[in-house]
């Protein structure tokens, strides 16, 4: 998957090149379109679903030769339509071709998640688990509150969107669901200590209000923390 690389930028984001003192001439294609082009279209309503616009450069999409040909076909179709005399179909066809291009990118990103899952993906999941373990063993819950997806992604040097998409595709669960399950595991360990009150456990885990902890615990486990303690 070294036949081409795609990087996606949303409005307001910046990109630059660090040539490190070596002459570097970028070569390739750029597809740029104004947000107003999509106003009132199906793509405009769904554009936020293409989460790779919030990935960082190091999480770019790398293509096979066949995938590269598919992408170039999409770009050629868009260029052909732009060179065609403008008529009442022009905007619809341009937008439809952009949407097709983005949908192919979704497919290829899914493939990239799968091809990386054997090594890189499993490594990221293992590091994710260690990050949560270290968080609950530290004083961060008391000083910073509950761990967030954004925090875990930063610790793993990934953008939050890419990290969330990767975890979802590898495990079937969202990153937030993993955090919640690890939180409940940490809670169960502390609840087993009769010297701790339920309120103390809640504050130790990063909850501002014990009632919020009790409600979450009951939703996940099926009983209140006090009931769980009595049963066990």
Protein backbone atom coordinates (compact mmCIF):
# COMPACT_ATOMS: atom_id res chain seq x y z
CA UNK A 1 0.00 0.00 0.00
CA UNK A 2 2.60 2.51 -1.15
CA UNK A 3 1.18 3.57 -4.50
CA UNK A 4 -0.33 6.78 -3.20
CA UNK A 5 -1.27 8.65 -0.04
CA UNK A 6 -4.37 10.72 0.73
CA UNK A 7 -4.62 13.41 3.40
CA UNK A 8 -7.92 15.11 4.23
CA UNK A 9 -8.29 18.68 5.49
CA UNK A 10 -11.43 20.34 6.81
CA UNK A 11 -12.11 24.10 6.57
CA UNK A 12 -9.89 26.05 8.93
CA UNK A 13 -7.16 23.42 9.13
CA UNK A 14 -3.62 24.12 7.89
CA UNK A 15 -1.04 22.01 6.15
CA UNK A 16 2.63 22.58 5.43
CA UNK A 17 5.77 20.75 4.40
CA UNK A 18 8.94 20.32 6.42
CA UNK A 19 11.67 19.71 3.86
CA UNK A 20 14.44 19.61 6.52
CA UNK A 21 16.78 21.50 4.26
CA UNK A 22 16.24 19.23 1.25
CA UNK A 23 14.52 20.52 -1.88
CA UNK A 24 11.09 18.95 -2.01
CA UNK A 25 8.50 19.38 -4.73
CA UNK A 26 5.11 17.90 -3.81
CA UNK A 27 3.44 16.07 -6.68
CA UNK A 28 -0.10 14.87 -6.97
CA UNK A 29 -3.71 15.96 -7.02
CA UNK A 30 -5.66 18.38 -4.85
CA UNK A 31 -9.45 18.37 -4.68
CA UNK A 32 -10.75 21.54 -3.05
CA UNK A 33 -14.38 22.54 -2.75
CA UNK A 34 -16.22 25.28 -0.89
CA UNK A 35 -18.71 24.22 1.83
CA UNK A 36 -21.42 26.20 0.02
CA UNK A 37 -21.21 23.73 -2.86
CA UNK A 38 -22.75 21.12 -0.56
CA UNK A 39 -25.51 23.25 0.97
CA UNK A 40 -28.89 21.54 0.69
CA UNK A 41 -27.46 18.30 -0.69
CA UNK A 42 -27.40 14.82 0.82
CA UNK A 43 -23.61 15.04 1.02
CA UNK A 44 -23.87 18.35 2.86
CA UNK A 45 -26.10 16.74 5.47
CA UNK A 46 -23.75 13.78 5.88
CA UNK A 47 -20.32 15.41 5.51
CA UNK A 48 -19.61 15.18 9.25
CA UNK A 49 -19.92 11.41 9.04
CA UNK A 50 -16.63 11.32 7.09
CA UNK A 51 -14.55 11.40 10.26
CA UNK A 52 -11.21 11.16 8.43
CA UNK A 53 -11.36 14.93 7.87
CA UNK A 54 -10.34 15.18 11.53
CA UNK A 55 -7.49 12.66 11.32
CA UNK A 56 -3.94 13.90 11.56
CA UNK A 57 -1.40 13.64 8.73
CA UNK A 58 0.32 10.60 10.26
CA UNK A 59 -3.02 8.77 9.98
CA UNK A 60 -3.22 9.27 6.22
CA UNK A 61 -4.75 6.76 3.82
CA UNK A 62 -2.23 4.64 1.90
CA UNK A 63 -3.38 3.04 -1.33
CA UNK A 64 -2.76 -0.07 -3.37
CA UNK A 65 -2.36 0.25 -7.14
CA UNK A 66 -5.97 -0.79 -7.76
CA UNK A 67 -7.24 1.65 -5.13
CA UNK A 68 -5.12 4.39 -6.66
CA UNK A 69 -6.69 3.78 -10.08
CA UNK A 70 -10.16 3.97 -8.55
CA UNK A 71 -9.36 7.29 -6.88
CA UNK A 72 -7.88 8.72 -10.08
CA UNK A 73 -11.00 7.68 -11.99
CA UNK A 74 -13.11 9.67 -9.54
CA UNK A 75 -10.86 12.71 -9.89
CA UNK A 76 -10.87 12.46 -13.68
CA UNK A 77 -14.68 12.34 -13.64
CA UNK A 78 -14.83 15.47 -11.50
CA UNK A 79 -12.36 17.30 -13.73
CA UNK A 80 -14.30 16.25 -16.84
CA UNK A 81 -17.52 17.62 -15.36
CA UNK A 82 -15.83 20.91 -14.43
CA UNK A 83 -14.62 21.27 -18.02
CA UNK A 84 -18.08 20.57 -19.40
CA UNK A 85 -20.32 23.50 -20.30
CA UNK A 86 -22.27 24.47 -17.17
CA UNK A 87 -25.93 23.46 -17.18
CA UNK A 88 -28.59 22.66 -14.60
CA UNK A 89 -27.04 19.22 -13.97
CA UNK A 90 -23.48 20.42 -13.30
CA UNK A 91 -23.67 21.00 -9.54
CA UNK A 92 -25.53 17.73 -8.88
CA UNK A 93 -23.05 15.68 -10.89
CA UNK A 94 -20.00 17.32 -9.30
CA UNK A 95 -21.38 16.77 -5.80
CA UNK A 96 -22.34 13.18 -6.60
CA UNK A 97 -18.83 12.46 -7.85
CA UNK A 98 -17.30 14.00 -4.72
CA UNK A 99 -19.59 11.82 -2.62
CA UNK A 100 -18.54 8.72 -4.56
CA UNK A 101 -14.90 9.67 -4.05
CA UNK A 102 -15.41 10.03 -0.29
CA UNK A 103 -17.34 6.76 -0.07
CA UNK A 104 -14.47 4.93 -1.76
CA UNK A 105 -12.16 6.51 0.82
CA UNK A 106 -14.36 5.13 3.61
CA UNK A 107 -14.02 1.67 2.07
CA UNK A 108 -10.25 1.97 1.74
CA UNK A 109 -9.88 3.25 5.31
CA UNK A 110 -11.85 0.23 6.52
CA UNK A 111 -9.42 -1.97 4.60
CA UNK A 112 -6.49 -0.11 6.18
CA UNK A 113 -7.87 -0.70 9.67
CA UNK A 114 -8.12 -4.41 8.88
CA UNK A 115 -4.64 -4.74 7.36
CA UNK A 116 -3.15 -2.96 10.36
CA UNK A 117 -5.14 -4.92 12.92
CA UNK A 118 -2.71 -7.83 13.24
CA UNK A 119 0.14 -5.79 14.68
CA UNK A 120 -0.43 -2.07 15.00
CA UNK A 121 -4.08 -2.37 15.97
CA UNK A 122 -3.49 -4.93 18.70
CA UNK A 123 -0.58 -2.86 20.00
CA UNK A 124 -2.78 0.23 20.20
CA UNK A 125 -5.48 -1.70 22.06
CA UNK A 126 -2.94 -3.03 24.54
CA UNK A 127 -1.54 0.45 25.10
CA UNK A 128 -5.09 1.76 25.50
CA UNK A 129 -5.73 -0.74 28.29
CA UNK A 130 -2.44 0.17 30.00
CA UNK A 131 -3.28 3.87 29.72
CA UNK A 132 -6.57 3.30 31.54
CA UNK A 133 -4.94 1.10 34.18
CA UNK A 134 -2.28 3.73 34.85
CA UNK A 135 -4.92 6.46 34.98
CA UNK A 136 -6.96 4.77 37.70
CA UNK A 137 -3.84 3.90 39.68
CA UNK A 138 -2.74 7.54 39.71
CA UNK A 139 -4.28 10.61 41.33
CA UNK A 140 -5.55 11.92 37.98
CA UNK A 141 -9.17 10.90 38.60
CA UNK A 142 -9.23 13.20 41.64
CA UNK A 143 -7.49 16.08 39.87
CA UNK A 144 -8.79 15.75 36.30
CA UNK A 145 -11.99 13.72 36.60
CA UNK A 146 -13.04 10.76 34.51
CA UNK A 147 -10.77 9.71 31.61
CA UNK A 148 -11.95 10.81 28.19
CA UNK A 149 -11.48 9.48 24.67
CA UNK A 150 -9.55 12.65 23.87
CA UNK A 151 -7.13 12.04 26.74
CA UNK A 152 -6.48 8.41 25.76
CA UNK A 153 -5.96 9.38 22.11
CA UNK A 154 -3.42 12.03 23.08
CA UNK A 155 -1.55 9.54 25.25
CA UNK A 156 -1.37 7.20 22.24
CA UNK A 157 -0.36 10.06 19.90
CA UNK A 158 -3.47 9.66 17.77
CA UNK A 159 -6.26 12.01 16.82
CA UNK A 160 -9.46 11.34 18.77
CA UNK A 161 -11.51 10.53 15.66
CA UNK A 162 -8.97 8.10 14.22
CA UNK A 163 -8.54 6.44 17.60
CA UNK A 164 -12.30 6.08 18.04
CA UNK A 165 -12.79 4.66 14.56
CA UNK A 166 -9.90 2.21 15.00
CA UNK A 167 -11.19 0.87 18.33
CA UNK A 168 -14.72 0.52 16.96
CA UNK A 169 -13.58 -1.41 13.88
CA UNK A 170 -11.23 -3.69 15.81
CA UNK A 171 -13.50 -4.53 18.74
CA UNK A 172 -17.07 -3.64 17.79
CA UNK A 173 -17.25 -1.36 20.83
CA UNK A 174 -16.66 2.37 20.98
CA UNK A 175 -13.69 3.78 22.86
CA UNK A 176 -16.12 5.33 25.33
CA UNK A 177 -17.65 1.91 26.01
CA UNK A 178 -14.17 0.50 26.71
CA UNK A 179 -13.48 3.34 29.13
CA UNK A 180 -16.79 2.73 30.89
CA UNK A 181 -16.11 -1.01 31.24
CA UNK A 182 -12.63 -0.41 32.65
CA UNK A 183 -14.12 2.18 35.00
CA UNK A 184 -16.61 -0.40 36.29
CA UNK A 185 -13.82 -2.94 36.75
CA UNK A 186 -11.87 -0.42 38.83
CA UNK A 187 -15.03 0.35 40.78
CA UNK A 188 -15.66 -3.31 41.59
CA UNK A 189 -12.15 -3.67 43.01
CA UNK A 190 -12.66 -0.69 45.31
CA UNK A 191 -16.19 -1.68 46.32
CA UNK A 192 -14.79 -4.99 47.55
CA UNK A 193 -12.94 -3.06 50.26
CA UNK A 194 -15.46 -2.60 53.12
CA UNK A 195 -13.34 0.20 54.57
CA UNK A 196 -14.31 2.43 51.65
CA UNK A 197 -17.71 4.06 51.46
CA UNK A 198 -19.49 4.16 48.09
CA UNK A 199 -19.05 7.95 48.05
CA UNK A 200 -15.30 7.55 48.56
CA UNK A 201 -15.13 5.09 45.68
CA UNK A 202 -17.02 7.53 43.46
CA UNK A 203 -14.67 10.42 44.26
CA UNK A 204 -11.57 8.22 43.84
CA UNK A 205 -12.71 7.28 40.33
CA UNK A 206 -13.27 10.90 39.29
CA UNK A 207 -17.01 11.39 39.77
CA UNK A 208 -18.13 14.76 41.08
CA UNK A 209 -21.33 13.32 42.49
CA UNK A 210 -21.74 9.82 44.00
CA UNK A 211 -25.29 9.63 42.62
CA UNK A 212 -23.88 9.75 39.07
CA UNK A 213 -21.57 6.87 39.90
CA UNK A 214 -24.40 4.83 41.41
CA UNK A 215 -26.60 5.38 38.36
CA UNK A 216 -23.87 4.38 35.89
CA UNK A 217 -22.91 1.32 37.95
CA UNK A 218 -26.51 0.13 38.09
CA UNK A 219 -27.00 0.67 34.35
CA UNK A 220 -23.93 -1.43 33.52
CA UNK A 221 -23.93 -4.08 36.27
CA UNK A 222 -27.65 -4.34 36.93
CA UNK A 223 -27.55 -3.48 40.62
CA UNK A 224 -26.40 -0.64 42.85
CA UNK A 225 -22.86 -0.56 44.27
CA UNK A 226 -24.20 -1.32 47.77
CA UNK A 227 -26.14 -4.29 46.48
CA UNK A 228 -23.09 -5.54 44.58
CA UNK A 229 -21.01 -5.27 47.77
CA UNK A 230 -23.57 -7.21 49.80
CA UNK A 231 -23.87 -9.95 47.19
CA UNK A 232 -20.11 -10.42 47.02
